[in-house]
């Protein structure tokens, strides 16, 4: 970048750490970007009840139709 040079060593180190978060059964089975519909409903309910009253339906929180097909899987 013009204003903030990228330190390649730091960037690659950070990328390796981030990739560790993808080493779960959920990512292995469903790919990157998948959100379990039941979990999103539970999270929506918790936020609506305890933090902020939500004025939109839970279905507007996530749309799986934007996920790539076939799903992108990180092979580990």
PDB file of N, CA and C in Angstrom:
ATOM      1  N   UNK A   1       0.834  -1.175   0.000  1.00  0.00           N
ATOM      2  CA  UNK A   1       0.000   0.000   0.000  1.00  0.00           C
ATOM      3  C   UNK A   1       0.882   1.243   0.000  1.00  0.00           C
ATOM      4  N   UNK A   2       0.401   2.301  -0.556  1.00  0.00           N
ATOM      5  CA  UNK A   2       1.183   3.530  -0.689  1.00  0.00           C
ATOM      6  C   UNK A   2       1.521   4.148   0.665  1.00  0.00           C
ATOM      7  N   UNK A   3       0.592   4.136   1.594  1.00  0.00           N
ATOM      8  CA  UNK A   3       0.795   4.829   2.860  1.00  0.00           C
ATOM      9  C   UNK A   3       1.254   3.920   3.992  1.00  0.00           C
ATOM     10  N   UNK A   4       0.899   2.662   3.926  1.00  0.00           N
ATOM     11  CA  UNK A   4       1.257   1.714   4.974  1.00  0.00           C
ATOM     12  C   UNK A   4       1.874   0.479   4.327  1.00  0.00           C
ATOM     13  N   UNK A   5       3.184   0.448   4.238  1.00  0.00           N
ATOM     14  CA  UNK A   5       3.804  -0.708   3.605  1.00  0.00           C
ATOM     15  C   UNK A   5       3.456  -1.995   4.359  1.00  0.00           C
ATOM     16  N   UNK A   6       3.280  -3.056   3.607  1.00  0.00           N
ATOM     17  CA  UNK A   6       2.918  -4.345   4.187  1.00  0.00           C
ATOM     18  C   UNK A   6       4.180  -5.125   4.504  1.00  0.00           C
ATOM     19  N   UNK A   7       4.279  -5.567   5.731  1.00  0.00           N
ATOM     20  CA  UNK A   7       5.391  -6.405   6.148  1.00  0.00           C
ATOM     21  C   UNK A   7       5.011  -7.841   5.803  1.00  0.00           C
ATOM     22  N   UNK A   8       5.647  -8.388   4.781  1.00  0.00           N
ATOM     23  CA  UNK A   8       5.280  -9.708   4.270  1.00  0.00           C
ATOM     24  C   UNK A   8       5.435 -10.796   5.330  1.00  0.00           C
ATOM     25  N   UNK A   9       6.478 -10.740   6.129  1.00  0.00           N
ATOM     26  CA  UNK A   9       6.701 -11.754   7.163  1.00  0.00           C
ATOM     27  C   UNK A   9       5.562 -11.724   8.188  1.00  0.00           C
ATOM     28  N   UNK A  10       5.200 -10.529   8.646  1.00  0.00           N
ATOM     29  CA  UNK A  10       4.102 -10.399   9.607  1.00  0.00           C
ATOM     30  C   UNK A  10       2.777 -10.842   8.992  1.00  0.00           C
ATOM     31  N   UNK A  11       2.551 -10.451   7.747  1.00  0.00           N
ATOM     32  CA  UNK A  11       1.303 -10.788   7.066  1.00  0.00           C
ATOM     33  C   UNK A  11       1.147 -12.298   6.929  1.00  0.00           C
ATOM     34  N   UNK A  12       2.187 -12.972   6.487  1.00  0.00           N
ATOM     35  CA  UNK A  12       2.117 -14.426   6.322  1.00  0.00           C
ATOM     36  C   UNK A  12       1.987 -15.138   7.665  1.00  0.00           C
ATOM     37  N   UNK A  13       2.653 -14.627   8.686  1.00  0.00           N
ATOM     38  CA  UNK A  13       2.509 -15.198  10.021  1.00  0.00           C
ATOM     39  C   UNK A  13       1.081 -15.078  10.521  1.00  0.00           C
ATOM     40  N   UNK A  14       0.480 -13.916  10.307  1.00  0.00           N
ATOM     41  CA  UNK A  14      -0.908 -13.695  10.698  1.00  0.00           C
ATOM     42  C   UNK A  14      -1.847 -14.607   9.916  1.00  0.00           C
ATOM     43  N   UNK A  15      -1.584 -14.771   8.627  1.00  0.00           N
ATOM     44  CA  UNK A  15      -2.413 -15.635   7.796  1.00  0.00           C
ATOM     45  C   UNK A  15      -2.381 -17.078   8.296  1.00  0.00           C
ATOM     46  N   UNK A  16      -1.211 -17.551   8.683  1.00  0.00           N
ATOM     47  CA  UNK A  16      -1.092 -18.918   9.205  1.00  0.00           C
ATOM     48  C   UNK A  16      -1.898 -19.086  10.486  1.00  0.00           C
ATOM     49  N   UNK A  17      -1.863 -18.083  11.347  1.00  0.00           N
ATOM     50  CA  UNK A  17      -2.652 -18.138  12.583  1.00  0.00           C
ATOM     51  C   UNK A  17      -4.144 -18.151  12.249  1.00  0.00           C
ATOM     52  N   UNK A  18      -4.570 -17.286  11.345  1.00  0.00           N
ATOM     53  CA  UNK A  18      -5.985 -17.221  10.970  1.00  0.00           C
ATOM     54  C   UNK A  18      -6.464 -18.531  10.360  1.00  0.00           C
ATOM     55  N   UNK A  19      -5.621 -19.169   9.572  1.00  0.00           N
ATOM     56  CA  UNK A  19      -6.010 -20.424   8.932  1.00  0.00           C
ATOM     57  C   UNK A  19      -6.260 -21.527   9.954  1.00  0.00           C
ATOM     58  N   UNK A  20      -5.671 -21.416  11.127  1.00  0.00           N
ATOM     59  CA  UNK A  20      -5.913 -22.408  12.177  1.00  0.00           C
ATOM     60  C   UNK A  20      -7.382 -22.405  12.612  1.00  0.00           C
ATOM     61  N   UNK A  21      -8.051 -21.255  12.511  1.00  0.00           N
ATOM     62  CA  UNK A  21      -9.457 -21.172  12.893  1.00  0.00           C
ATOM     63  C   UNK A  21     -10.362 -21.971  11.959  1.00  0.00           C
ATOM     64  N   UNK A  22      -9.869 -22.288  10.775  1.00  0.00           N
ATOM     65  CA  UNK A  22     -10.658 -23.060   9.817  1.00  0.00           C
ATOM     66  C   UNK A  22     -10.532 -24.561  10.029  1.00  0.00           C
ATOM     67  N   UNK A  23      -9.724 -24.979  10.949  1.00  0.00           N
ATOM     68  CA  UNK A  23      -9.515 -26.409  11.195  1.00  0.00           C
ATOM     69  C   UNK A  23     -10.555 -26.935  12.182  1.00  0.00           C
ATOM     70  N   UNK A  24     -11.809 -26.884  11.766  1.00  0.00           N
ATOM     71  CA  UNK A  24     -12.906 -27.401  12.577  1.00  0.00           C
ATOM     72  C   UNK A  24     -13.753 -28.325  11.711  1.00  0.00           C
ATOM     73  N   UNK A  25     -14.538 -29.165  12.352  1.00  0.00           N
ATOM     74  CA  UNK A  25     -15.423 -30.061  11.602  1.00  0.00           C
ATOM     75  C   UNK A  25     -16.450 -29.278  10.792  1.00  0.00           C
ATOM     76  N   UNK A  26     -16.905 -28.153  11.338  1.00  0.00           N
ATOM     77  CA  UNK A  26     -17.904 -27.361  10.613  1.00  0.00           C
ATOM     78  C   UNK A  26     -17.354 -26.887   9.275  1.00  0.00           C
ATOM     79  N   UNK A  27     -16.146 -26.326   9.279  1.00  0.00           N
ATOM     80  CA  UNK A  27     -15.552 -25.875   8.024  1.00  0.00           C
ATOM     81  C   UNK A  27     -15.216 -27.050   7.119  1.00  0.00           C
ATOM     82  N   UNK A  28     -14.792 -28.144   7.710  1.00  0.00           N
ATOM     83  CA  UNK A  28     -14.448 -29.329   6.927  1.00  0.00           C
ATOM     84  C   UNK A  28     -15.685 -29.886   6.218  1.00  0.00           C
ATOM     85  N   UNK A  29     -16.825 -29.877   6.905  1.00  0.00           N
ATOM     86  CA  UNK A  29     -18.044 -30.468   6.352  1.00  0.00           C
ATOM     87  C   UNK A  29     -18.861 -29.517   5.487  1.00  0.00           C
ATOM     88  N   UNK A  30     -18.869 -28.235   5.836  1.00  0.00           N
ATOM     89  CA  UNK A  30     -19.762 -27.296   5.156  1.00  0.00           C
ATOM     90  C   UNK A  30     -19.057 -26.199   4.371  1.00  0.00           C
ATOM     91  N   UNK A  31     -17.766 -26.042   4.548  1.00  0.00           N
ATOM     92  CA  UNK A  31     -17.033 -25.020   3.823  1.00  0.00           C
ATOM     93  C   UNK A  31     -16.996 -23.685   4.550  1.00  0.00           C
ATOM     94  N   UNK A  32     -16.216 -22.778   4.004  1.00  0.00           N
ATOM     95  CA  UNK A  32     -16.015 -21.462   4.597  1.00  0.00           C
ATOM     96  C   UNK A  32     -17.223 -20.573   4.297  1.00  0.00           C
ATOM     97  N   UNK A  33     -17.715 -19.893   5.317  1.00  0.00           N
ATOM     98  CA  UNK A  33     -18.842 -18.983   5.162  1.00  0.00           C
ATOM     99  C   UNK A  33     -20.165 -19.541   5.637  1.00  0.00           C
ATOM    100  N   UNK A  34     -20.217 -20.836   5.910  1.00  0.00           N
ATOM    101  CA  UNK A  34     -21.458 -21.475   6.350  1.00  0.00           C
ATOM    102  C   UNK A  34     -21.809 -21.040   7.769  1.00  0.00           C
ATOM    103  N   UNK A  35     -23.086 -20.793   7.987  1.00  0.00           N
ATOM    104  CA  UNK A  35     -23.595 -20.498   9.323  1.00  0.00           C
ATOM    105  C   UNK A  35     -24.760 -21.450   9.575  1.00  0.00           C
ATOM    106  N   UNK A  36     -24.719 -22.147  10.692  1.00  0.00           N
ATOM    107  CA  UNK A  36     -25.781 -23.073  11.065  1.00  0.00           C
ATOM    108  C   UNK A  36     -27.067 -22.287  11.325  1.00  0.00           C
ATOM    109  N   UNK A  37     -28.149 -22.592  10.612  1.00  0.00           N
ATOM    110  CA  UNK A  37     -29.395 -21.838  10.778  1.00  0.00           C
ATOM    111  C   UNK A  37     -29.917 -21.821  12.218  1.00  0.00           C
ATOM    112  N   UNK A  38     -29.773 -22.917  12.932  1.00  0.00           N
ATOM    113  CA  UNK A  38     -30.239 -22.954  14.323  1.00  0.00           C
ATOM    114  C   UNK A  38     -29.424 -22.002  15.198  1.00  0.00           C
ATOM    115  N   UNK A  39     -28.125 -21.957  14.980  1.00  0.00           N
ATOM    116  CA  UNK A  39     -27.274 -21.054  15.782  1.00  0.00           C
ATOM    117  C   UNK A  39     -27.597 -19.589  15.506  1.00  0.00           C
ATOM    118  N   UNK A  40     -27.886 -19.253  14.248  1.00  0.00           N
ATOM    119  CA  UNK A  40     -28.202 -17.849  13.949  1.00  0.00           C
ATOM    120  C   UNK A  40     -29.535 -17.471  14.600  1.00  0.00           C
ATOM    121  N   UNK A  41     -30.494 -18.405  14.637  1.00  0.00           N
ATOM    122  CA  UNK A  41     -31.771 -18.124  15.306  1.00  0.00           C
ATOM    123  C   UNK A  41     -31.559 -17.925  16.808  1.00  0.00           C
ATOM    124  N   UNK A  42     -30.715 -18.759  17.403  1.00  0.00           N
ATOM    125  CA  UNK A  42     -30.442 -18.628  18.839  1.00  0.00           C
ATOM    126  C   UNK A  42     -29.740 -17.306  19.151  1.00  0.00           C
ATOM    127  N   UNK A  43     -28.769 -16.937  18.329  1.00  0.00           N
ATOM    128  CA  UNK A  43     -28.062 -15.669  18.525  1.00  0.00           C
ATOM    129  C   UNK A  43     -29.012 -14.493  18.363  1.00  0.00           C
ATOM    130  N   UNK A  44     -29.845 -14.551  17.335  1.00  0.00           N
ATOM    131  CA  UNK A  44     -30.836 -13.503  17.100  1.00  0.00           C
ATOM    132  C   UNK A  44     -31.732 -13.336  18.332  1.00  0.00           C
ATOM    133  N   UNK A  45     -32.215 -14.447  18.862  1.00  0.00           N
ATOM    134  CA  UNK A  45     -33.099 -14.397  20.032  1.00  0.00           C
ATOM    135  C   UNK A  45     -32.409 -13.787  21.244  1.00  0.00           C
ATOM    136  N   UNK A  46     -31.155 -14.151  21.462  1.00  0.00           N
ATOM    137  CA  UNK A  46     -30.409 -13.599  22.598  1.00  0.00           C
ATOM    138  C   UNK A  46     -30.211 -12.093  22.469  1.00  0.00           C
ATOM    139  N   UNK A  47     -29.818 -11.657  21.284  1.00  0.00           N
ATOM    140  CA  UNK A  47     -29.612 -10.217  21.059  1.00  0.00           C
ATOM    141  C   UNK A  47     -30.935  -9.479  21.217  1.00  0.00           C
ATOM    142  N   UNK A  48     -31.989 -10.023  20.625  1.00  0.00           N
ATOM    143  CA  UNK A  48     -33.306  -9.393  20.690  1.00  0.00           C
ATOM    144  C   UNK A  48     -33.813  -9.295  22.130  1.00  0.00           C
ATOM    145  N   UNK A  49     -33.536 -10.306  22.923  1.00  0.00           N
ATOM    146  CA  UNK A  49     -34.042 -10.340  24.294  1.00  0.00           C
ATOM    147  C   UNK A  49     -33.199  -9.530  25.271  1.00  0.00           C
ATOM    148  N   UNK A  50     -31.877  -9.591  25.144  1.00  0.00           N
ATOM    149  CA  UNK A  50     -31.017  -9.024  26.190  1.00  0.00           C
ATOM    150  C   UNK A  50     -30.220  -7.779  25.788  1.00  0.00           C
ATOM    151  N   UNK A  51     -30.059  -7.536  24.504  1.00  0.00           N
ATOM    152  CA  UNK A  51     -29.205  -6.407  24.120  1.00  0.00           C
ATOM    153  C   UNK A  51     -29.962  -5.325  23.372  1.00  0.00           C
ATOM    154  N   UNK A  52     -30.517  -5.688  22.243  1.00  0.00           N
ATOM    155  CA  UNK A  52     -31.135  -4.693  21.371  1.00  0.00           C
ATOM    156  C   UNK A  52     -32.371  -5.306  20.735  1.00  0.00           C
ATOM    157  N   UNK A  53     -33.511  -4.656  20.886  1.00  0.00           N
ATOM    158  CA  UNK A  53     -34.724  -5.150  20.244  1.00  0.00           C
ATOM    159  C   UNK A  53     -34.528  -5.057  18.734  1.00  0.00           C
ATOM    160  N   UNK A  54     -34.684  -6.167  18.045  1.00  0.00           N
ATOM    161  CA  UNK A  54     -34.444  -6.209  16.606  1.00  0.00           C
ATOM    162  C   UNK A  54     -35.744  -5.997  15.847  1.00  0.00           C
ATOM    163  N   UNK A  55     -35.667  -5.209  14.780  1.00  0.00           N
ATOM    164  CA  UNK A  55     -36.868  -4.844  14.031  1.00  0.00           C
ATOM    165  C   UNK A  55     -36.941  -5.518  12.668  1.00  0.00           C
ATOM    166  N   UNK A  56     -36.163  -6.557  12.471  1.00  0.00           N
ATOM    167  CA  UNK A  56     -36.168  -7.264  11.193  1.00  0.00           C
ATOM    168  C   UNK A  56     -36.225  -8.764  11.475  1.00  0.00           C
ATOM    169  N   UNK A  57     -36.708  -9.537  10.519  1.00  0.00           N
ATOM    170  CA  UNK A  57     -36.814 -10.983  10.745  1.00  0.00           C
ATOM    171  C   UNK A  57     -35.444 -11.655  10.731  1.00  0.00           C
ATOM    172  N   UNK A  58     -35.346 -12.755  11.448  1.00  0.00           N
ATOM    173  CA  UNK A  58     -34.078 -13.485  11.537  1.00  0.00           C
ATOM    174  C   UNK A  58     -33.597 -13.925  10.153  1.00  0.00           C
ATOM    175  N   UNK A  59     -34.513 -14.158   9.242  1.00  0.00           N
ATOM    176  CA  UNK A  59     -34.144 -14.591   7.889  1.00  0.00           C
ATOM    177  C   UNK A  59     -33.325 -13.537   7.146  1.00  0.00           C
ATOM    178  N   UNK A  60     -33.409 -12.279   7.577  1.00  0.00           N
ATOM    179  CA  UNK A  60     -32.641 -11.211   6.937  1.00  0.00           C
ATOM    180  C   UNK A  60     -31.200 -11.137   7.436  1.00  0.00           C
ATOM    181  N   UNK A  61     -30.846 -11.927   8.428  1.00  0.00           N
ATOM    182  CA  UNK A  61     -29.493 -11.890   8.997  1.00  0.00           C
ATOM    183  C   UNK A  61     -28.462 -12.568   8.109  1.00  0.00           C
ATOM    184  N   UNK A  62     -28.878 -13.602   7.425  1.00  0.00           N
ATOM    185  CA  UNK A  62     -27.920 -14.390   6.648  1.00  0.00           C
ATOM    186  C   UNK A  62     -28.635 -15.041   5.485  1.00  0.00           C
ATOM    187  N   UNK A  63     -27.984 -15.016   4.324  1.00  0.00           N
ATOM    188  CA  UNK A  63     -28.545 -15.621   3.120  1.00  0.00           C
ATOM    189  C   UNK A  63     -27.492 -16.537   2.508  1.00  0.00           C
ATOM    190  N   UNK A  64     -27.687 -17.822   2.649  1.00  0.00           N
ATOM    191  CA  UNK A  64     -26.705 -18.797   2.162  1.00  0.00           C
ATOM    192  C   UNK A  64     -26.601 -18.823   0.642  1.00  0.00           C
ATOM    193  N   UNK A  65     -27.510 -18.174  -0.061  1.00  0.00           N
ATOM    194  CA  UNK A  65     -27.449 -18.194  -1.527  1.00  0.00           C
ATOM    195  C   UNK A  65     -26.224 -17.453  -2.060  1.00  0.00           C
ATOM    196  N   UNK A  66     -25.576 -16.657  -1.221  1.00  0.00           N
ATOM    197  CA  UNK A  66     -24.374 -15.951  -1.649  1.00  0.00           C
ATOM    198  C   UNK A  66     -23.111 -16.797  -1.502  1.00  0.00           C
ATOM    199  N   UNK A  67     -23.225 -17.946  -0.863  1.00  0.00           N
ATOM    200  CA  UNK A  67     -22.060 -18.817  -0.696  1.00  0.00           C
ATOM    201  C   UNK A  67     -21.674 -19.429  -2.033  1.00  0.00           C
ATOM    202  N   UNK A  68     -20.386 -19.683  -2.231  1.00  0.00           N
ATOM    203  CA  UNK A  68     -19.957 -20.267  -3.500  1.00  0.00           C
ATOM    204  C   UNK A  68     -20.474 -21.696  -3.650  1.00  0.00           C
ATOM    205  N   UNK A  69     -20.708 -22.070  -4.884  1.00  0.00           N
ATOM    206  CA  UNK A  69     -21.115 -23.437  -5.177  1.00  0.00           C
ATOM    207  C   UNK A  69     -20.224 -23.955  -6.302  1.00  0.00           C
ATOM    208  N   UNK A  70     -19.445 -24.975  -6.090  1.00  0.00           N
ATOM    209  CA  UNK A  70     -19.391 -25.761  -4.860  1.00  0.00           C
ATOM    210  C   UNK A  70     -18.713 -24.962  -3.750  1.00  0.00           C
ATOM    211  N   UNK A  71     -18.972 -25.383  -2.521  1.00  0.00           N
ATOM    212  CA  UNK A  71     -18.422 -24.666  -1.373  1.00  0.00           C
ATOM    213  C   UNK A  71     -16.901 -24.721  -1.371  1.00  0.00           C
ATOM    214  N   UNK A  72     -16.298 -23.666  -0.850  1.00  0.00           N
ATOM    215  CA  UNK A  72     -14.844 -23.607  -0.753  1.00  0.00           C
ATOM    216  C   UNK A  72     -14.426 -24.256   0.553  1.00  0.00           C
ATOM    217  N   UNK A  73     -13.631 -25.299   0.434  1.00  0.00           N
ATOM    218  CA  UNK A  73     -13.169 -26.011   1.625  1.00  0.00           C
ATOM    219  C   UNK A  73     -11.663 -25.867   1.756  1.00  0.00           C
ATOM    220  N   UNK A  74     -11.237 -25.645   2.968  1.00  0.00           N
ATOM    221  CA  UNK A  74      -9.814 -25.589   3.301  1.00  0.00           C
ATOM    222  C   UNK A  74      -9.398 -27.000   3.672  1.00  0.00           C
ATOM    223  N   UNK A  75      -8.580 -27.611   2.843  1.00  0.00           N
ATOM    224  CA  UNK A  75      -8.141 -28.983   3.085  1.00  0.00           C
ATOM    225  C   UNK A  75      -6.985 -28.997   4.062  1.00  0.00           C
ATOM    226  N   UNK A  76      -7.228 -29.571   5.230  1.00  0.00           N
ATOM    227  CA  UNK A  76      -6.188 -29.643   6.248  1.00  0.00           C
ATOM    228  C   UNK A  76      -5.990 -31.065   6.682  1.00  0.00           C
TER     229      UNK A  76
END
